[in-house]
Amino acid sequence: MFLCGLALDFCVAWSAEDAIRLGYEVVVIEDACRWIGMPAEAGRNSMDAARERLSGLGVVIARMAEVG
């Protein structure tokens, strides 16, 4: 499943997490998304936290040129 959209660090990330848990292979197309970038814990922001969380679940974060 290929995902893109607004609020990658929130809405898109949650959709990716749900899809992984349902057994789909998921690729988030990063340059077809926008981030909110809210502050998070320990000096990180929501982008860093989402990227780390998604990678840990097996979500591939790619650029359009890599999947086109």
N, C-alpha and C. Protein backbone atom coordinates (compact mmCIF):
# COMPACT_ATOMS: atom_id res chain seq x y z
N MET A 1 0.85 -1.15 0.00
CA MET A 1 0.00 0.00 0.00
C MET A 1 0.90 1.22 0.00
N PHE A 2 0.61 2.15 -0.88
CA PHE A 2 1.34 3.41 -0.94
C PHE A 2 0.48 4.51 -0.33
N LEU A 3 1.07 5.27 0.59
CA LEU A 3 0.33 6.33 1.27
C LEU A 3 1.03 7.68 1.10
N CYS A 4 0.22 8.72 0.99
CA CYS A 4 0.72 10.08 1.01
C CYS A 4 -0.42 10.97 1.49
N GLY A 5 -0.11 12.21 1.83
CA GLY A 5 -1.16 13.11 2.26
C GLY A 5 -0.64 14.17 3.21
N LEU A 6 -1.56 14.85 3.83
CA LEU A 6 -1.22 15.90 4.78
C LEU A 6 -1.03 15.29 6.17
N ALA A 7 -0.25 15.94 6.93
CA ALA A 7 0.02 15.54 8.32
C ALA A 7 0.63 14.14 8.40
N LEU A 8 1.76 13.97 7.70
CA LEU A 8 2.43 12.68 7.71
C LEU A 8 2.72 12.21 9.12
N ASP A 9 3.08 13.11 10.00
CA ASP A 9 3.44 12.72 11.36
C ASP A 9 2.23 12.39 12.23
N PHE A 10 1.04 12.59 11.71
CA PHE A 10 -0.17 12.23 12.45
C PHE A 10 -1.08 11.34 11.60
N CYS A 11 -1.93 11.91 10.78
CA CYS A 11 -2.96 11.15 10.05
C CYS A 11 -2.36 10.08 9.13
N VAL A 12 -1.37 10.44 8.33
CA VAL A 12 -0.77 9.47 7.41
C VAL A 12 -0.07 8.37 8.23
N ALA A 13 0.63 8.77 9.28
CA ALA A 13 1.31 7.78 10.13
C ALA A 13 0.31 6.81 10.76
N TRP A 14 -0.80 7.34 11.25
CA TRP A 14 -1.80 6.45 11.86
C TRP A 14 -2.37 5.48 10.84
N SER A 15 -2.60 5.94 9.62
CA SER A 15 -3.10 5.05 8.56
C SER A 15 -2.06 3.98 8.24
N ALA A 16 -0.79 4.36 8.19
CA ALA A 16 0.28 3.40 7.94
C ALA A 16 0.36 2.35 9.05
N GLU A 17 0.24 2.81 10.29
CA GLU A 17 0.27 1.87 11.42
C GLU A 17 -0.90 0.89 11.35
N ASP A 18 -2.07 1.37 11.04
CA ASP A 18 -3.25 0.50 10.93
C ASP A 18 -3.05 -0.51 9.80
N ALA A 19 -2.55 -0.06 8.67
CA ALA A 19 -2.35 -0.95 7.51
C ALA A 19 -1.32 -2.03 7.83
N ILE A 20 -0.23 -1.67 8.49
CA ILE A 20 0.78 -2.66 8.89
C ILE A 20 0.16 -3.71 9.80
N ARG A 21 -0.62 -3.25 10.76
CA ARG A 21 -1.25 -4.19 11.71
C ARG A 21 -2.26 -5.11 11.02
N LEU A 22 -2.80 -4.67 9.90
CA LEU A 22 -3.73 -5.50 9.12
C LEU A 22 -3.01 -6.41 8.13
N GLY A 23 -1.68 -6.33 8.11
CA GLY A 23 -0.89 -7.24 7.30
C GLY A 23 -0.44 -6.71 5.94
N TYR A 24 -0.67 -5.44 5.67
CA TYR A 24 -0.25 -4.86 4.39
C TYR A 24 1.23 -4.47 4.44
N GLU A 25 1.87 -4.50 3.30
CA GLU A 25 3.18 -3.89 3.15
C GLU A 25 2.91 -2.42 2.85
N VAL A 26 3.59 -1.52 3.55
CA VAL A 26 3.27 -0.10 3.45
C VAL A 26 4.49 0.72 3.07
N VAL A 27 4.29 1.60 2.10
CA VAL A 27 5.30 2.57 1.71
C VAL A 27 4.68 3.95 1.83
N VAL A 28 5.32 4.82 2.61
CA VAL A 28 4.89 6.21 2.71
C VAL A 28 5.77 7.01 1.76
N ILE A 29 5.15 7.74 0.86
CA ILE A 29 5.89 8.55 -0.11
C ILE A 29 6.10 9.93 0.52
N GLU A 30 7.28 10.09 1.08
CA GLU A 30 7.57 11.26 1.92
C GLU A 30 7.45 12.58 1.18
N ASP A 31 7.92 12.66 -0.06
CA ASP A 31 7.88 13.94 -0.76
C ASP A 31 6.51 14.23 -1.38
N ALA A 32 5.53 13.36 -1.14
CA ALA A 32 4.15 13.63 -1.53
C ALA A 32 3.31 13.92 -0.28
N CYS A 33 3.99 14.20 0.83
CA CYS A 33 3.35 14.47 2.11
C CYS A 33 3.83 15.80 2.66
N ARG A 34 3.13 16.26 3.66
CA ARG A 34 3.56 17.41 4.45
C ARG A 34 3.53 17.00 5.92
N TRP A 35 4.44 17.60 6.69
CA TRP A 35 4.55 17.33 8.11
C TRP A 35 3.96 18.48 8.91
N ILE A 36 3.54 18.19 10.11
CA ILE A 36 3.16 19.25 11.03
C ILE A 36 4.39 19.70 11.82
N GLY A 37 5.15 18.75 12.33
CA GLY A 37 6.39 19.07 13.02
C GLY A 37 6.22 19.67 14.41
N MET A 38 5.33 19.12 15.20
CA MET A 38 5.10 19.59 16.57
C MET A 38 6.26 19.15 17.47
N PRO A 39 6.57 19.94 18.50
CA PRO A 39 7.60 19.50 19.46
C PRO A 39 7.17 18.21 20.15
N ALA A 40 8.13 17.36 20.44
CA ALA A 40 7.86 16.10 21.14
C ALA A 40 8.84 15.99 22.31
N GLU A 41 8.89 14.84 22.92
CA GLU A 41 9.73 14.64 24.10
C GLU A 41 11.21 14.56 23.74
N ALA A 42 12.05 14.83 24.70
CA ALA A 42 13.51 14.67 24.62
C ALA A 42 14.14 15.37 23.43
N GLY A 43 13.68 16.59 23.12
CA GLY A 43 14.30 17.36 22.06
C GLY A 43 13.96 16.93 20.66
N ARG A 44 13.09 15.96 20.51
CA ARG A 44 12.68 15.50 19.18
C ARG A 44 11.41 16.22 18.78
N ASN A 45 11.05 16.12 17.52
CA ASN A 45 9.77 16.67 17.08
C ASN A 45 8.89 15.52 16.57
N SER A 46 7.67 15.84 16.22
CA SER A 46 6.72 14.80 15.80
C SER A 46 7.18 14.11 14.52
N MET A 47 7.96 14.78 13.68
CA MET A 47 8.46 14.14 12.47
C MET A 47 9.44 13.02 12.82
N ASP A 48 10.38 13.33 13.73
CA ASP A 48 11.36 12.33 14.15
C ASP A 48 10.68 11.15 14.82
N ALA A 49 9.74 11.44 15.70
CA ALA A 49 9.04 10.39 16.42
C ALA A 49 8.25 9.49 15.46
N ALA A 50 7.55 10.09 14.51
CA ALA A 50 6.77 9.30 13.55
C ALA A 50 7.68 8.45 12.67
N ARG A 51 8.76 9.04 12.18
CA ARG A 51 9.69 8.30 11.33
C ARG A 51 10.25 7.09 12.08
N GLU A 52 10.65 7.29 13.32
CA GLU A 52 11.20 6.21 14.14
C GLU A 52 10.14 5.12 14.39
N ARG A 53 8.95 5.54 14.75
CA ARG A 53 7.85 4.60 15.03
C ARG A 53 7.50 3.79 13.79
N LEU A 54 7.36 4.46 12.65
CA LEU A 54 6.98 3.76 11.42
C LEU A 54 8.07 2.80 10.96
N SER A 55 9.30 3.24 11.01
CA SER A 55 10.41 2.36 10.62
C SER A 55 10.45 1.12 11.50
N GLY A 56 10.21 1.31 12.79
CA GLY A 56 10.20 0.18 13.72
C GLY A 56 9.10 -0.84 13.43
N LEU A 57 8.03 -0.38 12.81
CA LEU A 57 6.92 -1.27 12.46
C LEU A 57 7.12 -1.93 11.09
N GLY A 58 8.13 -1.47 10.36
CA GLY A 58 8.38 -2.05 9.03
C GLY A 58 7.83 -1.23 7.88
N VAL A 59 7.35 -0.02 8.16
CA VAL A 59 6.88 0.87 7.10
C VAL A 59 8.10 1.42 6.37
N VAL A 60 8.06 1.37 5.05
CA VAL A 60 9.13 1.93 4.23
C VAL A 60 8.80 3.39 3.96
N ILE A 61 9.76 4.27 4.22
CA ILE A 61 9.59 5.68 3.89
C ILE A 61 10.46 5.96 2.68
N ALA A 62 9.82 6.31 1.56
CA ALA A 62 10.52 6.45 0.30
C ALA A 62 10.19 7.80 -0.35
N ARG A 63 10.93 8.11 -1.38
CA ARG A 63 10.66 9.31 -2.19
C ARG A 63 10.02 8.86 -3.50
N MET A 64 9.30 9.75 -4.13
CA MET A 64 8.57 9.43 -5.35
C MET A 64 9.47 8.81 -6.41
N ALA A 65 10.66 9.33 -6.59
CA ALA A 65 11.59 8.80 -7.59
C ALA A 65 11.94 7.34 -7.36
N GLU A 66 11.87 6.91 -6.09
CA GLU A 66 12.20 5.52 -5.76
C GLU A 66 11.06 4.56 -6.07
N VAL A 67 9.85 5.06 -6.11
CA VAL A 67 8.71 4.18 -6.34
C VAL A 67 8.09 4.36 -7.73
N GLY A 68 8.48 5.42 -8.42
CA GLY A 68 7.91 5.75 -9.73
C GLY A 68 8.41 4.84 -10.78
